[in-house]
């Protein structure tokens, strides 16, 4: 809980983020707890 609260003080919300992104012909894929900007759609979901 302390990390959630401190993240808010820094302008972030914690979410379990799933992501795959293309980098030329390779990819980055991950599922992990991440801080995302508080105004973002993902933070508001």
ModelCIF file with pLDDT and N, C-alpha, C, O atoms, coordinates in Angstrom:
data_MODEL
#
_entry.id   MODEL 
#
_entity.id                         1 
_entity.type                       polymer 
_entity.pdbx_number_of_molecules   1 
#
_entity_poly.entity_id                      1 
_entity_poly.type                           'polypeptide(L)' 
_entity_poly.nstd_linkage                   no 
_entity_poly.nstd_monomer                   no 
_entity_poly.pdbx_seq_one_letter_code       
;(UNK)(UNK)(UNK)(UNK)(UNK)(UNK)(UNK)(UNK)(UNK)(UNK)(UNK)(UNK)(UNK)(UNK)(UNK)(UNK)
(UNK)(UNK)(UNK)(UNK)(UNK)(UNK)(UNK)(UNK)(UNK)(UNK)(UNK)(UNK)(UNK)(UNK)(UNK)(UNK)
(UNK)(UNK)(UNK)(UNK)(UNK)(UNK)(UNK)(UNK)(UNK)(UNK)(UNK)(UNK)(UNK)
;
_entity_poly.pdbx_seq_one_letter_code_can   XXXXXXXXXXXXXXXXXXXXXXXXXXXXXXXXXXXXXXXXXXXXX 
_entity_poly.pdbx_strand_id                 A 
#
loop_
_entity_poly_seq.entity_id 
_entity_poly_seq.num 
_entity_poly_seq.mon_id 
_entity_poly_seq.hetero 
1 1  UNK n 
1 2  UNK n 
1 3  UNK n 
1 4  UNK n 
1 5  UNK n 
1 6  UNK n 
1 7  UNK n 
1 8  UNK n 
1 9  UNK n 
1 10 UNK n 
1 11 UNK n 
1 12 UNK n 
1 13 UNK n 
1 14 UNK n 
1 15 UNK n 
1 16 UNK n 
1 17 UNK n 
1 18 UNK n 
1 19 UNK n 
1 20 UNK n 
1 21 UNK n 
1 22 UNK n 
1 23 UNK n 
1 24 UNK n 
1 25 UNK n 
1 26 UNK n 
1 27 UNK n 
1 28 UNK n 
1 29 UNK n 
1 30 UNK n 
1 31 UNK n 
1 32 UNK n 
1 33 UNK n 
1 34 UNK n 
1 35 UNK n 
1 36 UNK n 
1 37 UNK n 
1 38 UNK n 
1 39 UNK n 
1 40 UNK n 
1 41 UNK n 
1 42 UNK n 
1 43 UNK n 
1 44 UNK n 
1 45 UNK n 
#
_struct_asym.id          A 
_struct_asym.entity_id   1 
#
loop_
_ma_qa_metric.id 
_ma_qa_metric.mode 
_ma_qa_metric.name 
_ma_qa_metric.software_group_id 
_ma_qa_metric.type 
1 global pLDDT . pLDDT 
2 local  pLDDT . pLDDT 
#
_ma_qa_metric_global.metric_id      1 
_ma_qa_metric_global.metric_value   96.98 
_ma_qa_metric_global.model_id       1 
_ma_qa_metric_global.ordinal_id     1 
#
loop_
_ma_qa_metric_local.label_asym_id 
_ma_qa_metric_local.label_comp_id 
_ma_qa_metric_local.label_seq_id 
_ma_qa_metric_local.metric_id 
_ma_qa_metric_local.metric_value 
_ma_qa_metric_local.model_id 
_ma_qa_metric_local.ordinal_id 
A UNK 1  2 97.00 1 1  
A UNK 2  2 96.00 1 2  
A UNK 3  2 98.00 1 3  
A UNK 4  2 98.00 1 4  
A UNK 5  2 97.00 1 5  
A UNK 6  2 97.00 1 6  
A UNK 7  2 98.00 1 7  
A UNK 8  2 98.00 1 8  
A UNK 9  2 97.00 1 9  
A UNK 10 2 97.00 1 10 
A UNK 11 2 97.00 1 11 
A UNK 12 2 98.00 1 12 
A UNK 13 2 98.00 1 13 
A UNK 14 2 98.00 1 14 
A UNK 15 2 98.00 1 15 
A UNK 16 2 98.00 1 16 
A UNK 17 2 98.00 1 17 
A UNK 18 2 98.00 1 18 
A UNK 19 2 98.00 1 19 
A UNK 20 2 97.00 1 20 
A UNK 21 2 96.00 1 21 
A UNK 22 2 96.00 1 22 
A UNK 23 2 93.00 1 23 
A UNK 24 2 91.00 1 24 
A UNK 25 2 93.00 1 25 
A UNK 26 2 96.00 1 26 
A UNK 27 2 97.00 1 27 
A UNK 28 2 96.00 1 28 
A UNK 29 2 97.00 1 29 
A UNK 30 2 96.00 1 30 
A UNK 31 2 98.00 1 31 
A UNK 32 2 98.00 1 32 
A UNK 33 2 98.00 1 33 
A UNK 34 2 98.00 1 34 
A UNK 35 2 98.00 1 35 
A UNK 36 2 98.00 1 36 
A UNK 37 2 98.00 1 37 
A UNK 38 2 97.00 1 38 
A UNK 39 2 96.00 1 39 
A UNK 40 2 97.00 1 40 
A UNK 41 2 97.00 1 41 
A UNK 42 2 97.00 1 42 
A UNK 43 2 98.00 1 43 
A UNK 44 2 97.00 1 44 
A UNK 45 2 97.00 1 45 
#
loop_
_atom_site.group_PDB 
_atom_site.id 
_atom_site.type_symbol 
_atom_site.label_atom_id 
_atom_site.label_alt_id 
_atom_site.label_comp_id 
_atom_site.label_asym_id 
_atom_site.label_entity_id 
_atom_site.label_seq_id 
_atom_site.pdbx_PDB_ins_code 
_atom_site.Cartn_x 
_atom_site.Cartn_y 
_atom_site.Cartn_z 
_atom_site.occupancy 
_atom_site.B_iso_or_equiv 
_atom_site.pdbx_formal_charge 
_atom_site.auth_seq_id 
_atom_site.auth_comp_id 
_atom_site.auth_asym_id 
_atom_site.auth_atom_id 
_atom_site.pdbx_PDB_model_num 
ATOM 1   N N  . UNK A 1 1  ? 0.827   -1.202 0.000   1.00 97.00 ? 1  UNK A N  1 
ATOM 2   C CA . UNK A 1 1  ? 0.000   0.000  0.000   1.00 97.00 ? 1  UNK A CA 1 
ATOM 3   C C  . UNK A 1 1  ? 0.862   1.252  0.000   1.00 97.00 ? 1  UNK A C  1 
ATOM 4   O O  . UNK A 1 1  ? 0.514   2.240  -0.647  1.00 97.00 ? 1  UNK A O  1 
ATOM 5   N N  . UNK A 1 2  ? 1.980   1.228  0.715   1.00 96.00 ? 2  UNK A N  1 
ATOM 6   C CA . UNK A 1 2  ? 2.841   2.412  0.784   1.00 96.00 ? 2  UNK A CA 1 
ATOM 7   C C  . UNK A 1 2  ? 3.346   2.809  -0.601  1.00 96.00 ? 2  UNK A C  1 
ATOM 8   O O  . UNK A 1 2  ? 3.496   3.997  -0.887  1.00 96.00 ? 2  UNK A O  1 
ATOM 9   N N  . UNK A 1 3  ? 3.612   1.824  -1.466  1.00 98.00 ? 3  UNK A N  1 
ATOM 10  C CA . UNK A 1 3  ? 4.090   2.146  -2.812  1.00 98.00 ? 3  UNK A CA 1 
ATOM 11  C C  . UNK A 1 3  ? 2.983   2.751  -3.664  1.00 98.00 ? 3  UNK A C  1 
ATOM 12  O O  . UNK A 1 3  ? 3.238   3.643  -4.473  1.00 98.00 ? 3  UNK A O  1 
ATOM 13  N N  . UNK A 1 4  ? 1.757   2.270  -3.488  1.00 98.00 ? 4  UNK A N  1 
ATOM 14  C CA . UNK A 1 4  ? 0.631   2.863  -4.198  1.00 98.00 ? 4  UNK A CA 1 
ATOM 15  C C  . UNK A 1 4  ? 0.474   4.327  -3.795  1.00 98.00 ? 4  UNK A C  1 
ATOM 16  O O  . UNK A 1 4  ? 0.268   5.197  -4.641  1.00 98.00 ? 4  UNK A O  1 
ATOM 17  N N  . UNK A 1 5  ? 0.574   4.583  -2.497  1.00 97.00 ? 5  UNK A N  1 
ATOM 18  C CA . UNK A 1 5  ? 0.401   5.950  -1.992  1.00 97.00 ? 5  UNK A CA 1 
ATOM 19  C C  . UNK A 1 5  ? 1.542   6.862  -2.439  1.00 97.00 ? 5  UNK A C  1 
ATOM 20  O O  . UNK A 1 5  ? 1.307   8.005  -2.833  1.00 97.00 ? 5  UNK A O  1 
ATOM 21  N N  . UNK A 1 6  ? 2.772   6.364  -2.380  1.00 97.00 ? 6  UNK A N  1 
ATOM 22  C CA . UNK A 1 6  ? 3.903   7.179  -2.815  1.00 97.00 ? 6  UNK A CA 1 
ATOM 23  C C  . UNK A 1 6  ? 3.882   7.425  -4.317  1.00 97.00 ? 6  UNK A C  1 
ATOM 24  O O  . UNK A 1 6  ? 4.287   8.489  -4.785  1.00 97.00 ? 6  UNK A O  1 
ATOM 25  N N  . UNK A 1 7  ? 3.406   6.434  -5.069  1.00 98.00 ? 7  UNK A N  1 
ATOM 26  C CA . UNK A 1 7  ? 3.262   6.630  -6.505  1.00 98.00 ? 7  UNK A CA 1 
ATOM 27  C C  . UNK A 1 7  ? 2.315   7.774  -6.826  1.00 98.00 ? 7  UNK A C  1 
ATOM 28  O O  . UNK A 1 7  ? 2.587   8.579  -7.717  1.00 98.00 ? 7  UNK A O  1 
ATOM 29  N N  . UNK A 1 8  ? 1.198   7.848  -6.099  1.00 98.00 ? 8  UNK A N  1 
ATOM 30  C CA . UNK A 1 8  ? 0.257   8.954  -6.299  1.00 98.00 ? 8  UNK A CA 1 
ATOM 31  C C  . UNK A 1 8  ? 0.916   10.296 -6.036  1.00 98.00 ? 8  UNK A C  1 
ATOM 32  O O  . UNK A 1 8  ? 0.674   11.261 -6.761  1.00 98.00 ? 8  UNK A O  1 
ATOM 33  N N  . UNK A 1 9  ? 1.748   10.364 -5.004  1.00 97.00 ? 9  UNK A N  1 
ATOM 34  C CA . UNK A 1 9  ? 2.458   11.614 -4.701  1.00 97.00 ? 9  UNK A CA 1 
ATOM 35  C C  . UNK A 1 9  ? 3.371   12.038 -5.849  1.00 97.00 ? 9  UNK A C  1 
ATOM 36  O O  . UNK A 1 9  ? 3.663   13.222 -6.021  1.00 97.00 ? 9  UNK A O  1 
ATOM 37  N N  . UNK A 1 10 ? 3.816   11.060 -6.627  1.00 97.00 ? 10 UNK A N  1 
ATOM 38  C CA . UNK A 1 10 ? 4.708   11.332 -7.759  1.00 97.00 ? 10 UNK A CA 1 
ATOM 39  C C  . UNK A 1 10 ? 3.956   11.480 -9.081  1.00 97.00 ? 10 UNK A C  1 
ATOM 40  O O  . UNK A 1 10 ? 4.563   11.738 -10.121 1.00 97.00 ? 10 UNK A O  1 
ATOM 41  N N  . UNK A 1 11 ? 2.610   11.312 -9.036  1.00 97.00 ? 11 UNK A N  1 
ATOM 42  C CA . UNK A 1 11 ? 1.807   11.471 -10.250 1.00 97.00 ? 11 UNK A CA 1 
ATOM 43  C C  . UNK A 1 11 ? 1.549   10.191 -11.014 1.00 97.00 ? 11 UNK A C  1 
ATOM 44  O O  . UNK A 1 11 ? 1.215   10.225 -12.198 1.00 97.00 ? 11 UNK A O  1 
ATOM 45  N N  . UNK A 1 12 ? 1.707   9.033  -10.323 1.00 98.00 ? 12 UNK A N  1 
ATOM 46  C CA . UNK A 1 12 ? 1.530   7.735  -10.985 1.00 98.00 ? 12 UNK A CA 1 
ATOM 47  C C  . UNK A 1 12 ? 0.490   6.880  -10.263 1.00 98.00 ? 12 UNK A C  1 
ATOM 48  O O  . UNK A 1 12 ? 0.246   7.033  -9.066  1.00 98.00 ? 12 UNK A O  1 
ATOM 49  N N  . UNK A 1 13 ? -0.116  5.972  -11.038 1.00 98.00 ? 13 UNK A N  1 
ATOM 50  C CA . UNK A 1 13 ? -0.926  4.903  -10.447 1.00 98.00 ? 13 UNK A CA 1 
ATOM 51  C C  . UNK A 1 13 ? -0.323  3.570  -10.850 1.00 98.00 ? 13 UNK A C  1 
ATOM 52  O O  . UNK A 1 13 ? 0.230   3.425  -11.941 1.00 98.00 ? 13 UNK A O  1 
ATOM 53  N N  . UNK A 1 14 ? -0.436  2.601  -9.957  1.00 98.00 ? 14 UNK A N  1 
ATOM 54  C CA . UNK A 1 14 ? 0.091   1.271  -10.244 1.00 98.00 ? 14 UNK A CA 1 
ATOM 55  C C  . UNK A 1 14 ? -0.984  0.415  -10.910 1.00 98.00 ? 14 UNK A C  1 
ATOM 56  O O  . UNK A 1 14 ? -2.129  0.389  -10.460 1.00 98.00 ? 14 UNK A O  1 
ATOM 57  N N  . UNK A 1 15 ? -0.619  -0.273 -11.966 1.00 98.00 ? 15 UNK A N  1 
ATOM 58  C CA . UNK A 1 15 ? -1.499  -1.196 -12.666 1.00 98.00 ? 15 UNK A CA 1 
ATOM 59  C C  . UNK A 1 15 ? -0.705  -2.430 -13.079 1.00 98.00 ? 15 UNK A C  1 
ATOM 60  O O  . UNK A 1 15 ? 0.509   -2.358 -13.268 1.00 98.00 ? 15 UNK A O  1 
ATOM 61  N N  . UNK A 1 16 ? -1.398  -3.570 -13.219 1.00 98.00 ? 16 UNK A N  1 
ATOM 62  C CA . UNK A 1 16 ? -0.756  -4.749 -13.792 1.00 98.00 ? 16 UNK A CA 1 
ATOM 63  C C  . UNK A 1 16 ? -0.822  -4.582 -15.311 1.00 98.00 ? 16 UNK A C  1 
ATOM 64  O O  . UNK A 1 16 ? -1.860  -4.815 -15.932 1.00 98.00 ? 16 UNK A O  1 
ATOM 65  N N  . UNK A 1 17 ? 0.290   -4.179 -15.885 1.00 98.00 ? 17 UNK A N  1 
ATOM 66  C CA . UNK A 1 17 ? 0.337   -3.789 -17.295 1.00 98.00 ? 17 UNK A CA 1 
ATOM 67  C C  . UNK A 1 17 ? 0.796   -4.957 -18.158 1.00 98.00 ? 17 UNK A C  1 
ATOM 68  O O  . UNK A 1 17 ? 1.818   -5.586 -17.885 1.00 98.00 ? 17 UNK A O  1 
ATOM 69  N N  . UNK A 1 18 ? 0.023   -5.236 -19.202 1.00 98.00 ? 18 UNK A N  1 
ATOM 70  C CA . UNK A 1 18 ? 0.409   -6.204 -20.228 1.00 98.00 ? 18 UNK A CA 1 
ATOM 71  C C  . UNK A 1 18 ? 0.819   -5.417 -21.464 1.00 98.00 ? 18 UNK A C  1 
ATOM 72  O O  . UNK A 1 18 ? 0.113   -4.500 -21.884 1.00 98.00 ? 18 UNK A O  1 
ATOM 73  N N  . UNK A 1 19 ? 1.960   -5.773 -22.046 1.00 98.00 ? 19 UNK A N  1 
ATOM 74  C CA . UNK A 1 19 ? 2.444   -5.009 -23.182 1.00 98.00 ? 19 UNK A CA 1 
ATOM 75  C C  . UNK A 1 19 ? 3.260   -5.877 -24.135 1.00 98.00 ? 19 UNK A C  1 
ATOM 76  O O  . UNK A 1 19 ? 4.086   -6.685 -23.712 1.00 98.00 ? 19 UNK A O  1 
ATOM 77  N N  . UNK A 1 20 ? 3.011   -5.694 -25.421 1.00 97.00 ? 20 UNK A N  1 
ATOM 78  C CA . UNK A 1 20 ? 3.910   -6.193 -26.466 1.00 97.00 ? 20 UNK A CA 1 
ATOM 79  C C  . UNK A 1 20 ? 4.150   -5.044 -27.427 1.00 97.00 ? 20 UNK A C  1 
ATOM 80  O O  . UNK A 1 20 ? 3.203   -4.426 -27.914 1.00 97.00 ? 20 UNK A O  1 
ATOM 81  N N  . UNK A 1 21 ? 5.419   -4.755 -27.702 1.00 96.00 ? 21 UNK A N  1 
ATOM 82  C CA . UNK A 1 21 ? 5.736   -3.680 -28.633 1.00 96.00 ? 21 UNK A CA 1 
ATOM 83  C C  . UNK A 1 21 ? 6.779   -4.158 -29.633 1.00 96.00 ? 21 UNK A C  1 
ATOM 84  O O  . UNK A 1 21 ? 7.639   -4.979 -29.315 1.00 96.00 ? 21 UNK A O  1 
ATOM 85  N N  . UNK A 1 22 ? 6.684   -3.633 -30.833 1.00 96.00 ? 22 UNK A N  1 
ATOM 86  C CA . UNK A 1 22 ? 7.581   -3.984 -31.920 1.00 96.00 ? 22 UNK A CA 1 
ATOM 87  C C  . UNK A 1 22 ? 8.818   -3.095 -31.874 1.00 96.00 ? 22 UNK A C  1 
ATOM 88  O O  . UNK A 1 22 ? 8.716   -1.883 -31.683 1.00 96.00 ? 22 UNK A O  1 
ATOM 89  N N  . UNK A 1 23 ? 9.971   -3.699 -32.049 1.00 93.00 ? 23 UNK A N  1 
ATOM 90  C CA . UNK A 1 23 ? 11.224  -2.959 -32.173 1.00 93.00 ? 23 UNK A CA 1 
ATOM 91  C C  . UNK A 1 23 ? 11.946  -3.510 -33.401 1.00 93.00 ? 23 UNK A C  1 
ATOM 92  O O  . UNK A 1 23 ? 12.729  -4.455 -33.309 1.00 93.00 ? 23 UNK A O  1 
ATOM 93  N N  . UNK A 1 24 ? 11.662  -2.889 -34.570 1.00 91.00 ? 24 UNK A N  1 
ATOM 94  C CA . UNK A 1 24 ? 12.143  -3.391 -35.859 1.00 91.00 ? 24 UNK A CA 1 
ATOM 95  C C  . UNK A 1 24 ? 11.601  -4.800 -36.078 1.00 91.00 ? 24 UNK A C  1 
ATOM 96  O O  . UNK A 1 24 ? 10.390  -4.963 -36.223 1.00 91.00 ? 24 UNK A O  1 
ATOM 97  N N  . UNK A 1 25 ? 12.450  -5.816 -36.106 1.00 93.00 ? 25 UNK A N  1 
ATOM 98  C CA . UNK A 1 25 ? 11.967  -7.175 -36.367 1.00 93.00 ? 25 UNK A CA 1 
ATOM 99  C C  . UNK A 1 25 ? 11.896  -8.017 -35.094 1.00 93.00 ? 25 UNK A C  1 
ATOM 100 O O  . UNK A 1 25 ? 11.727  -9.235 -35.153 1.00 93.00 ? 25 UNK A O  1 
ATOM 101 N N  . UNK A 1 26 ? 12.027  -7.350 -33.937 1.00 96.00 ? 26 UNK A N  1 
ATOM 102 C CA . UNK A 1 26 ? 11.940  -8.057 -32.659 1.00 96.00 ? 26 UNK A CA 1 
ATOM 103 C C  . UNK A 1 26 ? 10.874  -7.421 -31.784 1.00 96.00 ? 26 UNK A C  1 
ATOM 104 O O  . UNK A 1 26 ? 10.316  -6.376 -32.119 1.00 96.00 ? 26 UNK A O  1 
ATOM 105 N N  . UNK A 1 27 ? 10.594  -8.079 -30.635 1.00 97.00 ? 27 UNK A N  1 
ATOM 106 C CA . UNK A 1 27 ? 9.501   -7.625 -29.790 1.00 97.00 ? 27 UNK A CA 1 
ATOM 107 C C  . UNK A 1 27 ? 9.923   -7.601 -28.323 1.00 97.00 ? 27 UNK A C  1 
ATOM 108 O O  . UNK A 1 27 ? 10.829  -8.313 -27.891 1.00 97.00 ? 27 UNK A O  1 
ATOM 109 N N  . UNK A 1 28 ? 9.228   -6.754 -27.589 1.00 96.00 ? 28 UNK A N  1 
ATOM 110 C CA . UNK A 1 28 ? 9.305   -6.775 -26.127 1.00 96.00 ? 28 UNK A CA 1 
ATOM 111 C C  . UNK A 1 28 ? 7.926   -7.140 -25.613 1.00 96.00 ? 28 UNK A C  1 
ATOM 112 O O  . UNK A 1 28 ? 6.939   -6.501 -25.979 1.00 96.00 ? 28 UNK A O  1 
ATOM 113 N N  . UNK A 1 29 ? 7.843   -8.168 -24.763 1.00 97.00 ? 29 UNK A N  1 
ATOM 114 C CA . UNK A 1 29 ? 6.561   -8.578 -24.170 1.00 97.00 ? 29 UNK A CA 1 
ATOM 115 C C  . UNK A 1 29 ? 6.734   -8.718 -22.668 1.00 97.00 ? 29 UNK A C  1 
ATOM 116 O O  . UNK A 1 29 ? 7.750   -9.224 -22.193 1.00 97.00 ? 29 UNK A O  1 
ATOM 117 N N  . UNK A 1 30 ? 5.730   -8.263 -21.927 1.00 96.00 ? 30 UNK A N  1 
ATOM 118 C CA . UNK A 1 30 ? 5.832   -8.311 -20.470 1.00 96.00 ? 30 UNK A CA 1 
ATOM 119 C C  . UNK A 1 30 ? 4.462   -8.175 -19.839 1.00 96.00 ? 30 UNK A C  1 
ATOM 120 O O  . UNK A 1 30 ? 3.595   -7.463 -20.347 1.00 96.00 ? 30 UNK A O  1 
ATOM 121 N N  . UNK A 1 31 ? 4.275   -8.868 -18.718 1.00 98.00 ? 31 UNK A N  1 
ATOM 122 C CA . UNK A 1 31 ? 3.167   -8.599 -17.791 1.00 98.00 ? 31 UNK A CA 1 
ATOM 123 C C  . UNK A 1 31 ? 3.816   -8.306 -16.451 1.00 98.00 ? 31 UNK A C  1 
ATOM 124 O O  . UNK A 1 31 ? 4.529   -9.153 -15.914 1.00 98.00 ? 31 UNK A O  1 
ATOM 125 N N  . UNK A 1 32 ? 3.582   -7.123 -15.902 1.00 98.00 ? 32 UNK A N  1 
ATOM 126 C CA . UNK A 1 32 ? 4.236   -6.742 -14.653 1.00 98.00 ? 32 UNK A CA 1 
ATOM 127 C C  . UNK A 1 32 ? 3.508   -5.555 -14.023 1.00 98.00 ? 32 UNK A C  1 
ATOM 128 O O  . UNK A 1 32 ? 2.891   -4.762 -14.735 1.00 98.00 ? 32 UNK A O  1 
ATOM 129 N N  . UNK A 1 33 ? 3.573   -5.424 -12.687 1.00 98.00 ? 33 UNK A N  1 
ATOM 130 C CA . UNK A 1 33 ? 3.063   -4.211 -12.046 1.00 98.00 ? 33 UNK A CA 1 
ATOM 131 C C  . UNK A 1 33 ? 3.930   -3.027 -12.465 1.00 98.00 ? 33 UNK A C  1 
ATOM 132 O O  . UNK A 1 33 ? 5.153   -3.078 -12.330 1.00 98.00 ? 33 UNK A O  1 
ATOM 133 N N  . UNK A 1 34 ? 3.320   -1.980 -12.964 1.00 98.00 ? 34 UNK A N  1 
ATOM 134 C CA . UNK A 1 34 ? 4.051   -0.792 -13.420 1.00 98.00 ? 34 UNK A CA 1 
ATOM 135 C C  . UNK A 1 34 ? 3.337   0.468  -12.941 1.00 98.00 ? 34 UNK A C  1 
ATOM 136 O O  . UNK A 1 34 ? 2.129   0.467  -12.706 1.00 98.00 ? 34 UNK A O  1 
ATOM 137 N N  . UNK A 1 35 ? 4.106   1.531  -12.803 1.00 98.00 ? 35 UNK A N  1 
ATOM 138 C CA . UNK A 1 35 ? 3.519   2.844  -12.600 1.00 98.00 ? 35 UNK A CA 1 
ATOM 139 C C  . UNK A 1 35 ? 3.244   3.468  -13.957 1.00 98.00 ? 35 UNK A C  1 
ATOM 140 O O  . UNK A 1 35 ? 4.095   3.442  -14.846 1.00 98.00 ? 35 UNK A O  1 
ATOM 141 N N  . UNK A 1 36 ? 2.033   4.038  -14.117 1.00 98.00 ? 36 UNK A N  1 
ATOM 142 C CA . UNK A 1 36 ? 1.647   4.736  -15.344 1.00 98.00 ? 36 UNK A CA 1 
ATOM 143 C C  . UNK A 1 36 ? 1.159   6.129  -14.952 1.00 98.00 ? 36 UNK A C  1 
ATOM 144 O O  . UNK A 1 36 ? 0.724   6.327  -13.818 1.00 98.00 ? 36 UNK A O  1 
ATOM 145 N N  . UNK A 1 37 ? 1.223   7.091  -15.863 1.00 98.00 ? 37 UNK A N  1 
ATOM 146 C CA . UNK A 1 37 ? 0.773   8.448  -15.527 1.00 98.00 ? 37 UNK A CA 1 
ATOM 147 C C  . UNK A 1 37 ? -0.670  8.474  -15.044 1.00 98.00 ? 37 UNK A C  1 
ATOM 148 O O  . UNK A 1 37 ? -1.544  7.843  -15.638 1.00 98.00 ? 37 UNK A O  1 
ATOM 149 N N  . UNK A 1 38 ? -0.912  9.205  -13.969 1.00 97.00 ? 38 UNK A N  1 
ATOM 150 C CA . UNK A 1 38 ? -2.256  9.217  -13.355 1.00 97.00 ? 38 UNK A CA 1 
ATOM 151 C C  . UNK A 1 38 ? -3.355  9.705  -14.301 1.00 97.00 ? 38 UNK A C  1 
ATOM 152 O O  . UNK A 1 38 ? -4.477  9.208  -14.204 1.00 97.00 ? 38 UNK A O  1 
ATOM 153 N N  . UNK A 1 39 ? -3.095  10.653 -15.212 1.00 96.00 ? 39 UNK A N  1 
ATOM 154 C CA . UNK A 1 39 ? -4.179  11.107 -16.105 1.00 96.00 ? 39 UNK A CA 1 
ATOM 155 C C  . UNK A 1 39 ? -4.498  10.129 -17.232 1.00 96.00 ? 39 UNK A C  1 
ATOM 156 O O  . UNK A 1 39 ? -5.478  10.342 -17.946 1.00 96.00 ? 39 UNK A O  1 
ATOM 157 N N  . UNK A 1 40 ? -3.717  9.069  -17.425 1.00 97.00 ? 40 UNK A N  1 
ATOM 158 C CA . UNK A 1 40 ? -3.869  8.194  -18.587 1.00 97.00 ? 40 UNK A CA 1 
ATOM 159 C C  . UNK A 1 40 ? -5.118  7.327  -18.497 1.00 97.00 ? 40 UNK A C  1 
ATOM 160 O O  . UNK A 1 40 ? -5.663  7.112  -17.414 1.00 97.00 ? 40 UNK A O  1 
ATOM 161 N N  . UNK A 1 41 ? -5.565  6.831  -19.651 1.00 97.00 ? 41 UNK A N  1 
ATOM 162 C CA . UNK A 1 41 ? -6.737  5.949  -19.700 1.00 97.00 ? 41 UNK A CA 1 
ATOM 163 C C  . UNK A 1 41 ? -6.506  4.686  -18.886 1.00 97.00 ? 41 UNK A C  1 
ATOM 164 O O  . UNK A 1 41 ? -7.394  4.241  -18.159 1.00 97.00 ? 41 UNK A O  1 
ATOM 165 N N  . UNK A 1 42 ? -5.321  4.111  -19.003 1.00 97.00 ? 42 UNK A N  1 
ATOM 166 C CA . UNK A 1 42 ? -5.035  2.868  -18.298 1.00 97.00 ? 42 UNK A CA 1 
ATOM 167 C C  . UNK A 1 42 ? -5.100  3.066  -16.784 1.00 97.00 ? 42 UNK A C  1 
ATOM 168 O O  . UNK A 1 42 ? -5.516  2.164  -16.056 1.00 97.00 ? 42 UNK A O  1 
ATOM 169 N N  . UNK A 1 43 ? -4.688  4.252  -16.305 1.00 98.00 ? 43 UNK A N  1 
ATOM 170 C CA . UNK A 1 43 ? -4.752  4.558  -14.873 1.00 98.00 ? 43 UNK A CA 1 
ATOM 171 C C  . UNK A 1 43 ? -6.195  4.743  -14.412 1.00 98.00 ? 43 UNK A C  1 
ATOM 172 O O  . UNK A 1 43 ? -6.530  4.479  -13.257 1.00 98.00 ? 43 UNK A O  1 
ATOM 173 N N  . UNK A 1 44 ? -7.039  5.197  -15.328 1.00 97.00 ? 44 UNK A N  1 
ATOM 174 C CA . UNK A 1 44 ? -8.439  5.469  -14.972 1.00 97.00 ? 44 UNK A CA 1 
ATOM 175 C C  . UNK A 1 44 ? -9.349  4.255  -15.170 1.00 97.00 ? 44 UNK A C  1 
ATOM 176 O O  . UNK A 1 44 ? -10.544 4.326  -14.885 1.00 97.00 ? 44 UNK A O  1 
ATOM 177 N N  . UNK A 1 45 ? -8.796  3.153  -15.652 1.00 97.00 ? 45 UNK A N  1 
ATOM 178 C CA . UNK A 1 45 ? -9.573  1.928  -15.832 1.00 97.00 ? 45 UNK A CA 1 
ATOM 179 C C  . UNK A 1 45 ? -9.527  1.142  -14.533 1.00 97.00 ? 45 UNK A C  1 
ATOM 180 O O  . UNK A 1 45 ? -10.115 0.064  -14.442 1.00 97.00 ? 45 UNK A O  1 
#
